[in-house]
PDB file of N, CA and C in Angstrom:
ATOM      1  N   MET A   1      55.318 -14.399  -5.080  1.00  0.00           N
ATOM      2  CA  MET A   1      55.009 -14.992  -6.316  1.00  0.00           C
ATOM      3  C   MET A   1      54.044 -13.308  -6.784  1.00  0.00           C
ATOM      4  N   TYR A   2      53.060 -13.577  -6.232  1.00  0.00           N
ATOM      5  CA  TYR A   2      52.266 -12.347  -6.976  1.00  0.00           C
ATOM      6  C   TYR A   2      52.916 -11.000  -6.669  1.00  0.00           C
ATOM      7  N   LYS A   3      53.940 -10.343  -5.670  1.00  0.00           N
ATOM      8  CA  LYS A   3      54.753  -9.241  -6.349  1.00  0.00           C
ATOM      9  C   LYS A   3      55.418  -9.039  -6.908  1.00  0.00           C
ATOM     10  N   ILE A   4      56.192  -9.832  -7.386  1.00  0.00           N
ATOM     11  CA  ILE A   4      57.278 -10.407  -8.949  1.00  0.00           C
ATOM     12  C   ILE A   4      55.792 -10.000  -9.471  1.00  0.00           C
ATOM     13  N   ILE A   5      54.581 -11.305  -9.900  1.00  0.00           N
ATOM     14  CA  ILE A   5      54.572 -10.729 -10.995  1.00  0.00           C
ATOM     15  C   ILE A   5      53.862  -9.127 -11.095  1.00  0.00           C
ATOM     16  N   ASP A   6      53.339  -8.812 -10.389  1.00  0.00           N
ATOM     17  CA  ASP A   6      52.885  -7.626 -10.518  1.00  0.00           C
ATOM     18  C   ASP A   6      53.869  -6.356 -10.479  1.00  0.00           C
ATOM     19  N   ASN A   7      55.003  -6.693  -9.841  1.00  0.00           N
ATOM     20  CA  ASN A   7      56.193  -5.430  -9.719  1.00  0.00           C
ATOM     21  C   ASN A   7      56.187  -5.222 -10.779  1.00  0.00           C
ATOM     22  N   GLN A   8      56.421  -6.740 -11.675  1.00  0.00           N
ATOM     23  CA  GLN A   8      56.726  -6.430 -13.506  1.00  0.00           C
ATOM     24  C   GLN A   8      55.976  -6.265 -14.002  1.00  0.00           C
ATOM     25  N   LYS A   9      54.929  -6.642 -13.987  1.00  0.00           N
ATOM     26  CA  LYS A   9      53.908  -6.368 -14.870  1.00  0.00           C
ATOM     27  C   LYS A   9      53.741  -7.346 -15.825  1.00  0.00           C
ATOM     28  N   LEU A  10      54.281  -7.985 -15.451  1.00  0.00           N
ATOM     29  CA  LEU A  10      53.988 -10.145 -16.189  1.00  0.00           C
ATOM     30  C   LEU A  10      52.535 -10.289 -16.173  1.00  0.00           C
ATOM     31  N   CYS A  11      51.276  -9.617 -15.627  1.00  0.00           N
ATOM     32  CA  CYS A  11      49.987  -9.730 -15.448  1.00  0.00           C
ATOM     33  C   CYS A  11      49.921  -9.315 -17.085  1.00  0.00           C
ATOM     34  N   LEU A  12      49.814  -7.954 -17.030  1.00  0.00           N
ATOM     35  CA  LEU A  12      49.487  -7.625 -18.421  1.00  0.00           C
ATOM     36  C   LEU A  12      49.928  -8.149 -19.507  1.00  0.00           C
ATOM     37  N   ASN A  13      50.479  -9.414 -19.867  1.00  0.00           N
ATOM     38  CA  ASN A  13      50.715 -10.345 -20.576  1.00  0.00           C
ATOM     39  C   ASN A  13      49.453 -11.136 -21.387  1.00  0.00           C
ATOM     40  N   PRO A  14      48.716 -10.747 -22.034  1.00  0.00           N
ATOM     41  CA  PRO A  14      47.512 -11.348 -22.464  1.00  0.00           C
ATOM     42  C   PRO A  14      48.028 -13.260 -22.617  1.00  0.00           C
ATOM     43  N   ASP A  15      48.668 -13.392 -23.399  1.00  0.00           N
ATOM     44  CA  ASP A  15      50.056 -15.119 -23.563  1.00  0.00           C
ATOM     45  C   ASP A  15      50.154 -15.388 -22.773  1.00  0.00           C
ATOM     46  N   LEU A  16      50.368 -14.888 -21.433  1.00  0.00           N
ATOM     47  CA  LEU A  16      50.807 -15.502 -19.819  1.00  0.00           C
ATOM     48  C   LEU A  16      50.835 -16.571 -19.879  1.00  0.00           C
ATOM     49  N   ASN A  17      51.927 -17.490 -19.363  1.00  0.00           N
ATOM     50  CA  ASN A  17      51.333 -19.175 -19.234  1.00  0.00           C
ATOM     51  C   ASN A  17      52.130 -19.144 -18.127  1.00  0.00           C
ATOM     52  N   LEU A  18      52.025 -20.353 -17.310  1.00  0.00           N
ATOM     53  CA  LEU A  18      52.721 -20.286 -16.283  1.00  0.00           C
ATOM     54  C   LEU A  18      53.957 -20.986 -16.388  1.00  0.00           C
ATOM     55  N   GLN A  19      54.063 -21.217 -18.015  1.00  0.00           N
ATOM     56  CA  GLN A  19      55.614 -21.899 -18.780  1.00  0.00           C
ATOM     57  C   GLN A  19      56.544 -20.942 -18.074  1.00  0.00           C
ATOM     58  N   GLU A  20      55.426 -19.848 -18.766  1.00  0.00           N
ATOM     59  CA  GLU A  20      56.259 -18.624 -18.810  1.00  0.00           C
ATOM     60  C   GLU A  20      56.946 -17.583 -17.635  1.00  0.00           C
ATOM     61  N   VAL A  21      55.744 -17.836 -16.756  1.00  0.00           N
ATOM     62  CA  VAL A  21      56.260 -17.849 -15.367  1.00  0.00           C
ATOM     63  C   VAL A  21      57.414 -18.219 -14.433  1.00  0.00           C
ATOM     64  N   ILE A  22      57.401 -20.018 -14.091  1.00  0.00           N
ATOM     65  CA  ILE A  22      58.096 -20.397 -14.910  1.00  0.00           C
ATOM     66  C   ILE A  22      59.133 -20.106 -14.427  1.00  0.00           C
ATOM     67  N   LYS A  23      58.943 -20.065 -16.234  1.00  0.00           N
ATOM     68  CA  LYS A  23      61.156 -19.281 -16.835  1.00  0.00           C
ATOM     69  C   LYS A  23      61.832 -18.194 -15.970  1.00  0.00           C
ATOM     70  N   PHE A  24      60.964 -17.075 -15.781  1.00  0.00           N
ATOM     71  CA  PHE A  24      61.001 -15.245 -15.308  1.00  0.00           C
ATOM     72  C   PHE A  24      61.331 -15.742 -14.462  1.00  0.00           C
ATOM     73  N   LEU A  25      60.876 -16.494 -12.981  1.00  0.00           N
ATOM     74  CA  LEU A  25      61.210 -16.684 -11.205  1.00  0.00           C
ATOM     75  C   LEU A  25      62.540 -17.381 -11.810  1.00  0.00           C
ATOM     76  N   GLY A  26      62.729 -18.591 -12.884  1.00  0.00           N
ATOM     77  CA  GLY A  26      63.648 -19.522 -12.321  1.00  0.00           C
ATOM     78  C   GLY A  26      63.491 -20.687 -11.425  1.00  0.00           C
ATOM     79  N   THR A  27      62.350 -21.061 -11.524  1.00  0.00           N
ATOM     80  CA  THR A  27      62.083 -22.462  -9.868  1.00  0.00           C
ATOM     81  C   THR A  27      61.276 -22.971 -11.038  1.00  0.00           C
ATOM     82  N   ASN A  28      61.003 -24.129 -10.532  1.00  0.00           N
ATOM     83  CA  ASN A  28      60.648 -25.114 -10.995  1.00  0.00           C
ATOM     84  C   ASN A  28      59.194 -25.205 -10.360  1.00  0.00           C
ATOM     85  N   LYS A  29      57.921 -25.764 -11.169  1.00  0.00           N
ATOM     86  CA  LYS A  29      56.480 -26.737 -10.931  1.00  0.00           C
ATOM     87  C   LYS A  29      55.807 -26.102  -9.332  1.00  0.00           C
ATOM     88  N   LYS A  30      57.138 -26.282  -8.508  1.00  0.00           N
ATOM     89  CA  LYS A  30      55.972 -26.415  -7.583  1.00  0.00           C
ATOM     90  C   LYS A  30      55.843 -24.851  -6.244  1.00  0.00           C
ATOM     91  N   TYR A  31      56.708 -23.969  -6.946  1.00  0.00           N
ATOM     92  CA  TYR A  31      56.587 -22.973  -6.112  1.00  0.00           C
ATOM     93  C   TYR A  31      55.582 -22.028  -7.084  1.00  0.00           C
ATOM     94  N   PRO A  32      55.474 -21.976  -7.423  1.00  0.00           N
ATOM     95  CA  PRO A  32      54.026 -21.366  -8.012  1.00  0.00           C
ATOM     96  C   PRO A  32      52.965 -22.222  -8.070  1.00  0.00           C
ATOM     97  N   TYR A  33      52.450 -23.377  -8.288  1.00  0.00           N
ATOM     98  CA  TYR A  33      51.077 -24.216  -8.043  1.00  0.00           C
ATOM     99  C   TYR A  33      50.989 -23.773  -5.554  1.00  0.00           C
ATOM    100  N   GLN A  34      52.334 -23.524  -4.953  1.00  0.00           N
ATOM    101  CA  GLN A  34      52.181 -23.277  -3.563  1.00  0.00           C
ATOM    102  C   GLN A  34      51.230 -22.107  -3.934  1.00  0.00           C
ATOM    103  N   ALA A  35      52.012 -21.008  -4.391  1.00  0.00           N
ATOM    104  CA  ALA A  35      51.784 -19.972  -3.897  1.00  0.00           C
ATOM    105  C   ALA A  35      50.535 -19.610  -4.929  1.00  0.00           C
ATOM    106  N   ILE A  36      49.804 -20.350  -5.576  1.00  0.00           N
ATOM    107  CA  ILE A  36      48.729 -20.312  -6.499  1.00  0.00           C
ATOM    108  C   ILE A  36      47.195 -20.736  -5.138  1.00  0.00           C
ATOM    109  N   ASN A  37      47.988 -21.965  -4.272  1.00  0.00           N
ATOM    110  CA  ASN A  37      46.875 -22.428  -3.721  1.00  0.00           C
ATOM    111  C   ASN A  37      46.814 -21.779  -2.138  1.00  0.00           C
ATOM    112  N   SER A  38      47.835 -20.982  -1.808  1.00  0.00           N
ATOM    113  CA  SER A  38      47.587 -20.002  -0.768  1.00  0.00           C
ATOM    114  C   SER A  38      47.596 -19.368  -1.085  1.00  0.00           C
ATOM    115  N   SER A  39      47.005 -18.535  -2.519  1.00  0.00           N
ATOM    116  CA  SER A  39      46.236 -17.445  -3.023  1.00  0.00           C
ATOM    117  C   SER A  39      44.259 -18.126  -3.194  1.00  0.00           C
ATOM    118  N   ASN A  40      44.160 -19.311  -2.999  1.00  0.00           N
ATOM    119  CA  ASN A  40      43.032 -19.590  -2.868  1.00  0.00           C
ATOM    120  C   ASN A  40      42.269 -19.564  -4.068  1.00  0.00           C
ATOM    121  N   ASP A  41      42.697 -19.361  -5.328  1.00  0.00           N
ATOM    122  CA  ASP A  41      42.989 -19.200  -6.304  1.00  0.00           C
ATOM    123  C   ASP A  41      42.550 -20.992  -6.599  1.00  0.00           C
ATOM    124  N   ASP A  42      42.116 -21.783  -7.535  1.00  0.00           N
ATOM    125  CA  ASP A  42      41.590 -22.384  -8.277  1.00  0.00           C
ATOM    126  C   ASP A  42      42.763 -23.001  -8.394  1.00  0.00           C
ATOM    127  N   ASN A  43      43.623 -22.243  -9.566  1.00  0.00           N
ATOM    128  CA  ASN A  43      44.442 -22.623 -10.818  1.00  0.00           C
ATOM    129  C   ASN A  43      45.048 -21.207 -11.286  1.00  0.00           C
ATOM    130  N   PHE A  44      45.757 -21.719 -12.055  1.00  0.00           N
ATOM    131  CA  PHE A  44      46.976 -20.877 -12.799  1.00  0.00           C
ATOM    132  C   PHE A  44      46.059 -19.204 -13.732  1.00  0.00           C
ATOM    133  N   SER A  45      45.040 -19.544 -14.162  1.00  0.00           N
ATOM    134  CA  SER A  45      44.124 -19.281 -14.983  1.00  0.00           C
ATOM    135  C   SER A  45      43.155 -18.337 -14.205  1.00  0.00           C
ATOM    136  N   SER A  46      42.945 -18.640 -13.023  1.00  0.00           N
ATOM    137  CA  SER A  46      41.858 -17.599 -12.002  1.00  0.00           C
ATOM    138  C   SER A  46      43.107 -16.580 -11.209  1.00  0.00           C
ATOM    139  N   PHE A  47      44.151 -17.132 -10.567  1.00  0.00           N
ATOM    140  CA  PHE A  47      45.362 -16.604 -10.370  1.00  0.00           C
ATOM    141  C   PHE A  47      45.995 -15.363 -11.159  1.00  0.00           C
ATOM    142  N   ILE A  48      45.690 -15.514 -12.578  1.00  0.00           N
ATOM    143  CA  ILE A  48      46.213 -14.635 -13.298  1.00  0.00           C
ATOM    144  C   ILE A  48      44.939 -13.675 -13.627  1.00  0.00           C
ATOM    145  N   ASN A  49      43.716 -14.362 -14.132  1.00  0.00           N
ATOM    146  CA  ASN A  49      42.748 -13.378 -14.114  1.00  0.00           C
ATOM    147  C   ASN A  49      42.031 -12.223 -13.162  1.00  0.00           C
ATOM    148  N   ARG A  50      42.388 -12.857 -11.685  1.00  0.00           N
ATOM    149  CA  ARG A  50      42.434 -12.181 -10.720  1.00  0.00           C
ATOM    150  C   ARG A  50      42.963 -11.036 -10.534  1.00  0.00           C
ATOM    151  N   ASN A  51      44.659 -11.285 -11.196  1.00  0.00           N
ATOM    152  CA  ASN A  51      45.917 -10.298 -11.334  1.00  0.00           C
ATOM    153  C   ASN A  51      45.533  -9.621 -12.004  1.00  0.00           C
ATOM    154  N   TRP A  52      44.596  -8.957 -12.905  1.00  0.00           N
ATOM    155  CA  TRP A  52      44.102  -8.106 -14.458  1.00  0.00           C
ATOM    156  C   TRP A  52      42.958  -7.434 -13.725  1.00  0.00           C
ATOM    157  N   VAL A  53      42.100  -8.618 -13.266  1.00  0.00           N
ATOM    158  CA  VAL A  53      40.406  -7.331 -12.791  1.00  0.00           C
ATOM    159  C   VAL A  53      41.521  -6.495 -11.823  1.00  0.00           C
ATOM    160  N   ASN A  54      42.620  -7.071  -9.891  1.00  0.00           N
ATOM    161  CA  ASN A  54      43.495  -6.053  -9.299  1.00  0.00           C
ATOM    162  C   ASN A  54      43.608  -4.816 -10.120  1.00  0.00           C
ATOM    163  N   HIS A  55      44.587  -5.366 -11.640  1.00  0.00           N
ATOM    164  CA  HIS A  55      44.835  -4.492 -11.735  1.00  0.00           C
ATOM    165  C   HIS A  55      43.663  -2.726 -12.620  1.00  0.00           C
ATOM    166  N   ALA A  56      42.997  -3.532 -13.375  1.00  0.00           N
ATOM    167  CA  ALA A  56      41.869  -2.455 -13.880  1.00  0.00           C
ATOM    168  C   ALA A  56      40.907  -2.249 -12.991  1.00  0.00           C
ATOM    169  N   LYS A  57      40.964  -2.168 -11.584  1.00  0.00           N
ATOM    170  CA  LYS A  57      40.734  -1.909 -10.283  1.00  0.00           C
ATOM    171  C   LYS A  57      41.670  -0.635 -10.112  1.00  0.00           C
ATOM    172  N   GLN A  58      42.887  -0.438  -9.907  1.00  0.00           N
ATOM    173  CA  GLN A  58      43.381  -0.131 -10.136  1.00  0.00           C
ATOM    174  C   GLN A  58      43.625   0.755 -11.071  1.00  0.00           C
ATOM    175  N   ILE A  59      43.726   0.674 -12.164  1.00  0.00           N
ATOM    176  CA  ILE A  59      43.468   2.233 -13.787  1.00  0.00           C
ATOM    177  C   ILE A  59      42.242   3.052 -13.058  1.00  0.00           C
ATOM    178  N   ILE A  60      40.819   2.021 -12.636  1.00  0.00           N
ATOM    179  CA  ILE A  60      39.542   3.199 -12.841  1.00  0.00           C
ATOM    180  C   ILE A  60      39.952   3.454 -11.359  1.00  0.00           C
ATOM    181  N   GLN A  61      40.317   3.728  -9.946  1.00  0.00           N
ATOM    182  CA  GLN A  61      40.142   4.062  -9.324  1.00  0.00           C
ATOM    183  C   GLN A  61      41.746   5.246  -8.959  1.00  0.00           C
ATOM    184  N   LYS A  62      42.371   5.543  -9.598  1.00  0.00           N
ATOM    185  CA  LYS A  62      43.724   6.232 -10.197  1.00  0.00           C
ATOM    186  C   LYS A  62      42.622   7.104 -11.455  1.00  0.00           C
ATOM    187  N   GLY A  63      42.224   6.997 -12.197  1.00  0.00           N
ATOM    188  CA  GLY A  63      41.226   7.739 -12.738  1.00  0.00           C
ATOM    189  C   GLY A  63      40.570   8.793 -12.008  1.00  0.00           C
ATOM    190  N   ILE A  64      39.584   7.767 -11.070  1.00  0.00           N
ATOM    191  CA  ILE A  64      38.843   8.761 -10.742  1.00  0.00           C
ATOM    192  C   ILE A  64      39.453   9.433  -9.645  1.00  0.00           C
ATOM    193  N   GLN A  65      40.665   9.356  -9.277  1.00  0.00           N
ATOM    194  CA  GLN A  65      41.386   9.952  -7.809  1.00  0.00           C
ATOM    195  C   GLN A  65      41.919  11.530  -8.867  1.00  0.00           C
ATOM    196  N   GLN A  66      42.189  11.060 -10.009  1.00  0.00           N
ATOM    197  CA  GLN A  66      42.865  12.474 -10.697  1.00  0.00           C
ATOM    198  C   GLN A  66      41.995  12.823 -12.459  1.00  0.00           C
ATOM    199  N   HIS A  67      40.669  12.968 -11.673  1.00  0.00           N
ATOM    200  CA  HIS A  67      39.389  13.141 -12.305  1.00  0.00           C
ATOM    201  C   HIS A  67      39.595  13.114 -13.625  1.00  0.00           C
ATOM    202  N   LYS A  68      40.487  12.538 -14.007  1.00  0.00           N
ATOM    203  CA  LYS A  68      40.032  11.361 -15.675  1.00  0.00           C
ATOM    204  C   LYS A  68      39.453  11.192 -16.697  1.00  0.00           C
ATOM    205  N   GLY A  69      39.071  10.567 -17.422  1.00  0.00           N
ATOM    206  CA  GLY A  69      37.970  10.277 -17.819  1.00  0.00           C
ATOM    207  C   GLY A  69      38.408   8.685 -18.283  1.00  0.00           C
ATOM    208  N   ILE A  70      37.385   7.672 -17.738  1.00  0.00           N
ATOM    209  CA  ILE A  70      38.008   5.962 -18.108  1.00  0.00           C
ATOM    210  C   ILE A  70      37.303   5.723 -19.625  1.00  0.00           C
ATOM    211  N   ASN A  71      38.300   5.319 -19.766  1.00  0.00           N
ATOM    212  CA  ASN A  71      37.981   4.354 -21.913  1.00  0.00           C
ATOM    213  C   ASN A  71      37.511   3.092 -20.912  1.00  0.00           C
ATOM    214  N   ILE A  72      36.286   2.891 -20.692  1.00  0.00           N
ATOM    215  CA  ILE A  72      35.786   1.424 -20.321  1.00  0.00           C
ATOM    216  C   ILE A  72      35.923   0.806 -21.384  1.00  0.00           C
ATOM    217  N   PRO A  73      35.380   0.549 -22.260  1.00  0.00           N
ATOM    218  CA  PRO A  73      35.987  -0.594 -23.426  1.00  0.00           C
ATOM    219  C   PRO A  73      37.242  -0.195 -23.798  1.00  0.00           C
ATOM    220  N   GLU A  74      37.905   0.119 -23.378  1.00  0.00           N
ATOM    221  CA  GLU A  74      39.396  -0.071 -24.102  1.00  0.00           C
ATOM    222  C   GLU A  74      39.930  -0.492 -22.857  1.00  0.00           C
ATOM    223  N   LEU A  75      39.636  -0.259 -21.216  1.00  0.00           N
ATOM    224  CA  LEU A  75      40.070  -0.795 -20.451  1.00  0.00           C
ATOM    225  C   LEU A  75      41.001  -2.866 -20.374  1.00  0.00           C
ATOM    226  N   PHE A  76      40.062  -2.917 -21.239  1.00  0.00           N
ATOM    227  CA  PHE A  76      40.260  -4.549 -20.761  1.00  0.00           C
ATOM    228  C   PHE A  76      41.561  -4.746 -20.866  1.00  0.00           C
ATOM    229  N   SER A  77      41.994  -4.411 -23.027  1.00  0.00           N
ATOM    230  CA  SER A  77      42.927  -4.594 -23.629  1.00  0.00           C
ATOM    231  C   SER A  77      44.427  -3.703 -22.408  1.00  0.00           C
ATOM    232  N   VAL A  78      43.930  -3.144 -21.686  1.00  0.00           N
ATOM    233  CA  VAL A  78      45.337  -2.397 -20.572  1.00  0.00           C
ATOM    234  C   VAL A  78      45.628  -2.913 -19.343  1.00  0.00           C
ATOM    235  N   SER A  79      44.741  -3.818 -19.484  1.00  0.00           N
ATOM    236  CA  SER A  79      44.516  -4.582 -18.098  1.00  0.00           C
ATOM    237  C   SER A  79      45.277  -6.359 -18.533  1.00  0.00           C
ATOM    238  N   GLY A  80      45.614  -6.614 -19.491  1.00  0.00           N
ATOM    239  CA  GLY A  80      45.986  -7.772 -20.093  1.00  0.00           C
ATOM    240  C   GLY A  80      44.766  -8.825 -20.344  1.00  0.00           C
ATOM    241  N   PHE A  81      43.742  -8.911 -20.026  1.00  0.00           N
ATOM    242  CA  PHE A  81      42.881 -10.056 -21.093  1.00  0.00           C
ATOM    243  C   PHE A  81      42.704  -9.759 -22.757  1.00  0.00           C
ATOM    244  N   ASN A  82      42.374 -10.493 -23.827  1.00  0.00           N
ATOM    245  CA  ASN A  82      42.680 -10.671 -24.850  1.00  0.00           C
ATOM    246  C   ASN A  82      41.411 -10.161 -25.448  1.00  0.00           C
ATOM    247  N   ASN A  83      39.836 -10.438 -24.578  1.00  0.00           N
ATOM    248  CA  ASN A  83      39.088  -9.315 -25.919  1.00  0.00           C
ATOM    249  C   ASN A  83      37.684  -9.172 -24.410  1.00  0.00           C
ATOM    250  N   PRO A  84      37.237  -8.448 -24.531  1.00  0.00           N
ATOM    251  CA  PRO A  84      36.072  -7.915 -23.868  1.00  0.00           C
ATOM    252  C   PRO A  84      34.448  -8.016 -23.085  1.00  0.00           C
ATOM    253  N   THR A  85      34.157  -9.185 -23.916  1.00  0.00           N
ATOM    254  CA  THR A  85      33.942 -10.032 -23.573  1.00  0.00           C
ATOM    255  C   THR A  85      34.285 -10.542 -22.453  1.00  0.00           C
ATOM    256  N   SER A  86      35.306 -11.577 -22.115  1.00  0.00           N
ATOM    257  CA  SER A  86      36.222 -12.056 -21.523  1.00  0.00           C
ATOM    258  C   SER A  86      35.791 -10.967 -20.313  1.00  0.00           C
ATOM    259  N   PHE A  87      36.567 -10.190 -20.019  1.00  0.00           N
ATOM    260  CA  PHE A  87      36.776  -9.209 -19.419  1.00  0.00           C
ATOM    261  C   PHE A  87      35.975  -8.743 -18.506  1.00  0.00           C
ATOM    262  N   PHE A  88      34.455  -8.503 -19.760  1.00  0.00           N
ATOM    263  CA  PHE A  88      33.235  -7.919 -18.567  1.00  0.00           C
ATOM    264  C   PHE A  88      32.839  -9.480 -18.151  1.00  0.00           C
ATOM    265  N   ARG A  89      32.895 -10.434 -18.126  1.00  0.00           N
ATOM    266  CA  ARG A  89      32.461 -11.672 -17.732  1.00  0.00           C
ATOM    267  C   ARG A  89      33.119 -11.727 -15.933  1.00  0.00           C
ATOM    268  N   ILE A  90      34.440 -11.825 -16.358  1.00  0.00           N
ATOM    269  CA  ILE A  90      35.208 -12.314 -15.243  1.00  0.00           C
ATOM    270  C   ILE A  90      35.363 -10.872 -14.102  1.00  0.00           C
ATOM    271  N   PHE A  91      35.202  -9.970 -14.896  1.00  0.00           N
ATOM    272  CA  PHE A  91      35.122  -8.795 -13.589  1.00  0.00           C
ATOM    273  C   PHE A  91      34.029  -8.709 -12.520  1.00  0.00           C
ATOM    274  N   LYS A  92      32.763  -9.048 -13.452  1.00  0.00           N
ATOM    275  CA  LYS A  92      31.519  -9.188 -12.546  1.00  0.00           C
ATOM    276  C   LYS A  92      31.583 -10.004 -12.024  1.00  0.00           C
ATOM    277  N   SER A  93      31.929 -11.645 -12.154  1.00  0.00           N
ATOM    278  CA  SER A  93      32.388 -12.722 -11.402  1.00  0.00           C
ATOM    279  C   SER A  93      33.211 -11.571  -9.705  1.00  0.00           C
ATOM    280  N   MET A  94      33.961 -11.248 -10.350  1.00  0.00           N
ATOM    281  CA  MET A  94      34.943 -11.776  -8.723  1.00  0.00           C
ATOM    282  C   MET A  94      34.768 -10.262  -8.170  1.00  0.00           C
ATOM    283  N   THR A  95      34.330  -8.871  -8.848  1.00  0.00           N
ATOM    284  CA  THR A  95      33.309  -8.050  -8.309  1.00  0.00           C
ATOM    285  C   THR A  95      31.939  -7.217  -7.695  1.00  0.00           C
ATOM    286  N   GLY A  96      31.331  -8.674  -8.407  1.00  0.00           N
ATOM    287  CA  GLY A  96      29.565  -8.749  -8.408  1.00  0.00           C
ATOM    288  C   GLY A  96      29.286  -7.277  -9.109  1.00  0.00           C
ATOM    289  N   LEU A  97      29.991  -6.432  -9.782  1.00  0.00           N
ATOM    290  CA  LEU A  97      30.236  -5.494 -10.513  1.00  0.00           C
ATOM    291  C   LEU A  97      30.475  -5.439 -11.996  1.00  0.00           C
ATOM    292  N   THR A  98      29.924  -4.581 -12.982  1.00  0.00           N
ATOM    293  CA  THR A  98      30.759  -3.793 -13.978  1.00  0.00           C
ATOM    294  C   THR A  98      31.355  -3.007 -14.054  1.00  0.00           C
ATOM    295  N   PRO A  99      32.847  -3.225 -14.580  1.00  0.00           N
ATOM    296  CA  PRO A  99      33.510  -2.158 -14.395  1.00  0.00           C
ATOM    297  C   PRO A  99      33.242   0.148 -14.386  1.00  0.00           C
ATOM    298  N   LYS A 100      31.935  -0.450 -15.278  1.00  0.00           N
ATOM    299  CA  LYS A 100      31.131   0.929 -14.989  1.00  0.00           C
ATOM    300  C   LYS A 100      30.298   0.919 -13.526  1.00  0.00           C
ATOM    301  N   GLU A 101      29.569  -0.040 -13.527  1.00  0.00           N
ATOM    302  CA  GLU A 101      29.073   0.423 -11.498  1.00  0.00           C
ATOM    303  C   GLU A 101      30.812   0.276 -10.513  1.00  0.00           C
ATOM    304  N   TYR A 102      31.236  -0.603 -10.619  1.00  0.00           N
ATOM    305  CA  TYR A 102      32.365  -0.179 -10.171  1.00  0.00           C
ATOM    306  C   TYR A 102      32.837   1.148 -10.259  1.00  0.00           C
ATOM    307  N   ALA A 103      33.526   1.937 -11.155  1.00  0.00           N
ATOM    308  CA  ALA A 103      33.660   3.132 -11.336  1.00  0.00           C
ATOM    309  C   ALA A 103      32.621   4.159 -10.493  1.00  0.00           C
ATOM    310  N   ALA A 104      31.458   3.975 -10.915  1.00  0.00           N
ATOM    311  CA  ALA A 104      30.342   4.669 -10.400  1.00  0.00           C
ATOM    312  C   ALA A 104      30.914   4.884  -8.420  1.00  0.00           C
ATOM    313  N   GLU A 105      30.806   3.366  -7.812  1.00  0.00           N
ATOM    314  CA  GLU A 105      31.007   2.942  -6.832  1.00  0.00           C
ATOM    315  C   GLU A 105      32.232   3.672  -6.400  1.00  0.00           C
ATOM    316  N   VAL A 106      33.236   3.515  -6.995  1.00  0.00           N
ATOM    317  CA  VAL A 106      34.482   4.255  -6.528  1.00  0.00           C
ATOM    318  C   VAL A 106      34.520   6.215  -5.909  1.00  0.00           C
ATOM    319  N   ALA A 107      33.440   6.298  -7.490  1.00  0.00           N
ATOM    320  CA  ALA A 107      33.066   7.887  -7.571  1.00  0.00           C
ATOM    321  C   ALA A 107      32.899   7.973  -6.026  1.00  0.00           C
ATOM    322  N   TRP A 108      31.717   7.043  -6.313  1.00  0.00           N
ATOM    323  CA  TRP A 108      30.502   8.108  -4.430  1.00  0.00           C
ATOM    324  C   TRP A 108      31.724   7.393  -3.372  1.00  0.00           C
ATOM    325  N   SER A 109      32.257   6.867  -3.261  1.00  0.00           N
ATOM    326  CA  SER A 109      33.185   6.627  -1.751  1.00  0.00           C
ATOM    327  C   SER A 109      33.904   7.803  -1.635  1.00  0.00           C
ATOM    328  N   ILE A 110      35.038   8.524  -2.460  1.00  0.00           N
ATOM    329  CA  ILE A 110      35.890   9.883  -2.339  1.00  0.00           C
ATOM    330  C   ILE A 110      35.323  10.105  -2.902  1.00  0.00           C
ATOM    331  N   GLU A 111      33.711  11.067  -3.432  1.00  0.00           N
ATOM    332  CA  GLU A 111      32.752  11.698  -3.109  1.00  0.00           C
ATOM    333  C   GLU A 111      31.998  11.911  -1.297  1.00  0.00           C
ATOM    334  N   LEU A 112      31.994  10.805  -0.721  1.00  0.00           N
ATOM    335  CA  LEU A 112      31.299  10.733   0.414  1.00  0.00           C
ATOM    336  C   LEU A 112      32.498  10.730   1.733  1.00  0.00           C
ATOM    337  N   ARG A 113      34.097  10.711   1.454  1.00  0.00           N
ATOM    338  CA  ARG A 113      35.241  10.738   1.672  1.00  0.00           C
ATOM    339  C   ARG A 113      36.135  12.279   2.135  1.00  0.00           C
ATOM    340  N   ASN A 114      34.976  13.414   0.916  1.00  0.00           N
ATOM    341  CA  ASN A 114      35.862  14.923   0.892  1.00  0.00           C
ATOM    342  C   ASN A 114      34.923  15.624   1.203  1.00  0.00           C
ATOM    343  N   GLN A 115      33.159  14.671   1.995  1.00  0.00           N
ATOM    344  CA  GLN A 115      32.455  15.610   2.237  1.00  0.00           C
ATOM    345  C   GLN A 115      32.199  16.276   3.489  1.00  0.00           C
TER     346      GLN A 115
END
């Protein structure tokens, strides 16, 4: 289920809900619940939030690798979040870092590999 949601960019829809996922997959409720449980998430919201944070991390990594600037304040909307407050709170709770701190760590890691 995660690959389908990721490949189809469903997770970028800030209004995504379980019913839409079930409808898109053409399945019943049992399959998504099993997928969520196997991913160690508590519920659908935490499953989607993890996908949104992973997408934000990919954007940050790609921006740094390509030496492009990262617009941290706008990162929340391109990652699927409705508002920056939720984005920053959830990003930090899942990574232990703010998006800016995460970007600095990625840049530092890339710099170390290039030495």
